[in-house]
């Protein structure tokens, strides 16, 4: 009905997706660091 409202919802959804992606990336990154620390 109102395009502005829909655009806001879409941008919110997109930001949430990138946030979850960042969380996964950070977790993966920390996992690599911990493994490296355990190896040495």
PDB file of N, CA and C in Angstrom:
ATOM      1  N   UNK A   1       0.835  -1.188   0.000  1.00  0.00           N
ATOM      2  CA  UNK A   1       0.000   0.000   0.000  1.00  0.00           C
ATOM      3  C   UNK A   1       0.881   1.253   0.000  1.00  0.00           C
ATOM      4  N   UNK A   2       1.664   1.421   1.084  1.00  0.00           N
ATOM      5  CA  UNK A   2       2.573   2.572   1.159  1.00  0.00           C
ATOM      6  C   UNK A   2       3.997   2.106   0.895  1.00  0.00           C
ATOM      7  N   UNK A   3       4.601   2.559  -0.212  1.00  0.00           N
ATOM      8  CA  UNK A   3       5.950   2.102  -0.576  1.00  0.00           C
ATOM      9  C   UNK A   3       7.007   2.445   0.466  1.00  0.00           C
ATOM     10  N   UNK A   4       6.858   3.594   1.142  1.00  0.00           N
ATOM     11  CA  UNK A   4       7.870   4.012   2.120  1.00  0.00           C
ATOM     12  C   UNK A   4       7.965   2.996   3.257  1.00  0.00           C
ATOM     13  N   UNK A   5       6.805   2.553   3.739  1.00  0.00           N
ATOM     14  CA  UNK A   5       6.764   1.595   4.843  1.00  0.00           C
ATOM     15  C   UNK A   5       7.439   0.287   4.425  1.00  0.00           C
ATOM     16  N   UNK A   6       7.146  -0.139   3.195  1.00  0.00           N
ATOM     17  CA  UNK A   6       7.727  -1.388   2.702  1.00  0.00           C
ATOM     18  C   UNK A   6       9.240  -1.267   2.582  1.00  0.00           C
ATOM     19  N   UNK A   7       9.708  -0.125   2.095  1.00  0.00           N
ATOM     20  CA  UNK A   7      11.148   0.097   1.955  1.00  0.00           C
ATOM     21  C   UNK A   7      11.836   0.057   3.307  1.00  0.00           C
ATOM     22  N   UNK A   8      11.201   0.637   4.322  1.00  0.00           N
ATOM     23  CA  UNK A   8      11.770   0.634   5.672  1.00  0.00           C
ATOM     24  C   UNK A   8      11.900  -0.792   6.187  1.00  0.00           C
ATOM     25  N   UNK A   9      10.856  -1.588   5.961  1.00  0.00           N
ATOM     26  CA  UNK A   9      10.873  -2.983   6.407  1.00  0.00           C
ATOM     27  C   UNK A   9      11.976  -3.754   5.690  1.00  0.00           C
ATOM     28  N   UNK A  10      12.133  -3.500   4.398  1.00  0.00           N
ATOM     29  CA  UNK A  10      13.169  -4.185   3.615  1.00  0.00           C
ATOM     30  C   UNK A  10      14.561  -3.827   4.108  1.00  0.00           C
ATOM     31  N   UNK A  11      14.787  -2.551   4.368  1.00  0.00           N
ATOM     32  CA  UNK A  11      16.104  -2.111   4.836  1.00  0.00           C
ATOM     33  C   UNK A  11      16.391  -2.712   6.208  1.00  0.00           C
ATOM     34  N   UNK A  12      15.361  -2.806   7.056  1.00  0.00           N
ATOM     35  CA  UNK A  12      15.522  -3.396   8.388  1.00  0.00           C
ATOM     36  C   UNK A  12      15.926  -4.864   8.249  1.00  0.00           C
ATOM     37  N   UNK A  13      15.237  -5.563   7.343  1.00  0.00           N
ATOM     38  CA  UNK A  13      15.515  -6.974   7.109  1.00  0.00           C
ATOM     39  C   UNK A  13      16.943  -7.149   6.616  1.00  0.00           C
ATOM     40  N   UNK A  14      17.368  -6.269   5.715  1.00  0.00           N
ATOM     41  CA  UNK A  14      18.708  -6.355   5.139  1.00  0.00           C
ATOM     42  C   UNK A  14      19.764  -6.136   6.219  1.00  0.00           C
ATOM     43  N   UNK A  15      19.537  -5.149   7.084  1.00  0.00           N
ATOM     44  CA  UNK A  15      20.503  -4.850   8.145  1.00  0.00           C
ATOM     45  C   UNK A  15      20.590  -6.023   9.118  1.00  0.00           C
ATOM     46  N   UNK A  16      19.456  -6.662   9.393  1.00  0.00           N
ATOM     47  CA  UNK A  16      19.456  -7.823  10.286  1.00  0.00           C
ATOM     48  C   UNK A  16      20.257  -8.959   9.663  1.00  0.00           C
ATOM     49  N   UNK A  17      20.131  -9.139   8.350  1.00  0.00           N
ATOM     50  CA  UNK A  17      20.869 -10.197   7.654  1.00  0.00           C
ATOM     51  C   UNK A  17      22.366  -9.959   7.764  1.00  0.00           C
ATOM     52  N   UNK A  18      22.798  -8.729   7.505  1.00  0.00           N
ATOM     53  CA  UNK A  18      24.230  -8.420   7.566  1.00  0.00           C
ATOM     54  C   UNK A  18      24.739  -8.583   8.987  1.00  0.00           C
ATOM     55  N   UNK A  19      23.899  -8.251   9.979  1.00  0.00           N
ATOM     56  CA  UNK A  19      24.297  -8.379  11.376  1.00  0.00           C
ATOM     57  C   UNK A  19      24.533  -9.845  11.719  1.00  0.00           C
ATOM     58  N   UNK A  20      23.614 -10.725  11.301  1.00  0.00           N
ATOM     59  CA  UNK A  20      23.775 -12.150  11.588  1.00  0.00           C
ATOM     60  C   UNK A  20      25.001 -12.687  10.860  1.00  0.00           C
ATOM     61  N   UNK A  21      25.247 -12.186   9.654  1.00  0.00           N
ATOM     62  CA  UNK A  21      26.423 -12.610   8.892  1.00  0.00           C
ATOM     63  C   UNK A  21      27.694 -12.204   9.623  1.00  0.00           C
ATOM     64  N   UNK A  22      27.698 -10.997  10.184  1.00  0.00           N
ATOM     65  CA  UNK A  22      28.852 -10.519  10.953  1.00  0.00           C
ATOM     66  C   UNK A  22      29.079 -11.407  12.167  1.00  0.00           C
ATOM     67  N   UNK A  23      27.990 -11.800  12.841  1.00  0.00           N
ATOM     68  CA  UNK A  23      28.105 -12.666  14.022  1.00  0.00           C
ATOM     69  C   UNK A  23      28.765 -13.981  13.646  1.00  0.00           C
ATOM     70  N   UNK A  24      28.312 -14.571  12.546  1.00  0.00           N
ATOM     71  CA  UNK A  24      28.874 -15.841  12.086  1.00  0.00           C
ATOM     72  C   UNK A  24      30.353 -15.668  11.749  1.00  0.00           C
ATOM     73  N   UNK A  25      30.681 -14.577  11.063  1.00  0.00           N
ATOM     74  CA  UNK A  25      32.062 -14.307  10.666  1.00  0.00           C
ATOM     75  C   UNK A  25      32.955 -14.137  11.888  1.00  0.00           C
ATOM     76  N   UNK A  26      32.468 -13.389  12.884  1.00  0.00           N
ATOM     77  CA  UNK A  26      33.245 -13.159  14.109  1.00  0.00           C
ATOM     78  C   UNK A  26      33.474 -14.478  14.838  1.00  0.00           C
ATOM     79  N   UNK A  27      32.428 -15.311  14.913  1.00  0.00           N
ATOM     80  CA  UNK A  27      32.552 -16.599  15.596  1.00  0.00           C
ATOM     81  C   UNK A  27      33.589 -17.470  14.895  1.00  0.00           C
ATOM     82  N   UNK A  28      33.539 -17.485  13.555  1.00  0.00           N
ATOM     83  CA  UNK A  28      34.493 -18.257  12.756  1.00  0.00           C
ATOM     84  C   UNK A  28      35.909 -17.740  12.970  1.00  0.00           C
ATOM     85  N   UNK A  29      36.047 -16.421  12.992  1.00  0.00           N
ATOM     86  CA  UNK A  29      37.343 -15.769  13.173  1.00  0.00           C
ATOM     87  C   UNK A  29      37.930 -16.123  14.530  1.00  0.00           C
ATOM     88  N   UNK A  30      37.106 -16.025  15.581  1.00  0.00           N
ATOM     89  CA  UNK A  30      37.585 -16.348  16.928  1.00  0.00           C
ATOM     90  C   UNK A  30      37.945 -17.826  17.031  1.00  0.00           C
ATOM     91  N   UNK A  31      37.182 -18.676  16.364  1.00  0.00           N
ATOM     92  CA  UNK A  31      37.483 -20.107  16.359  1.00  0.00           C
ATOM     93  C   UNK A  31      38.866 -20.352  15.778  1.00  0.00           C
ATOM     94  N   UNK A  32      39.179 -19.664  14.691  1.00  0.00           N
ATOM     95  CA  UNK A  32      40.507 -19.801  14.062  1.00  0.00           C
ATOM     96  C   UNK A  32      41.596 -19.342  15.020  1.00  0.00           C
ATOM     97  N   UNK A  33      41.383 -18.241  15.703  1.00  0.00           N
ATOM     98  CA  UNK A  33      42.380 -17.703  16.644  1.00  0.00           C
ATOM     99  C   UNK A  33      42.606 -18.697  17.782  1.00  0.00           C
ATOM    100  N   UNK A  34      41.513 -19.237  18.331  1.00  0.00           N
ATOM    101  CA  UNK A  34      41.633 -20.187  19.441  1.00  0.00           C
ATOM    102  C   UNK A  34      42.381 -21.438  18.999  1.00  0.00           C
ATOM    103  N   UNK A  35      42.098 -21.920  17.792  1.00  0.00           N
ATOM    104  CA  UNK A  35      42.796 -23.101  17.270  1.00  0.00           C
ATOM    105  C   UNK A  35      44.285 -22.799  17.130  1.00  0.00           C
ATOM    106  N   UNK A  36      44.605 -21.626  16.604  1.00  0.00           N
ATOM    107  CA  UNK A  36      46.010 -21.235  16.428  1.00  0.00           C
ATOM    108  C   UNK A  36      46.706 -21.174  17.787  1.00  0.00           C
ATOM    109  N   UNK A  37      46.010 -20.638  18.791  1.00  0.00           N
ATOM    110  CA  UNK A  37      46.597 -20.537  20.133  1.00  0.00           C
ATOM    111  C   UNK A  37      46.805 -21.927  20.729  1.00  0.00           C
ATOM    112  N   UNK A  38      45.868 -22.833  20.479  1.00  0.00           N
ATOM    113  CA  UNK A  38      45.988 -24.186  21.015  1.00  0.00           C
ATOM    114  C   UNK A  38      47.124 -24.953  20.352  1.00  0.00           C
ATOM    115  N   UNK A  39      47.355 -24.687  19.078  1.00  0.00           N
ATOM    116  CA  UNK A  39      48.407 -25.393  18.337  1.00  0.00           C
ATOM    117  C   UNK A  39      49.783 -24.993  18.859  1.00  0.00           C
ATOM    118  N   UNK A  40      49.981 -23.711  19.124  1.00  0.00           N
ATOM    119  CA  UNK A  40      51.299 -23.241  19.566  1.00  0.00           C
ATOM    120  C   UNK A  40      51.530 -23.529  21.038  1.00  0.00           C
TER     121      UNK A  40
END
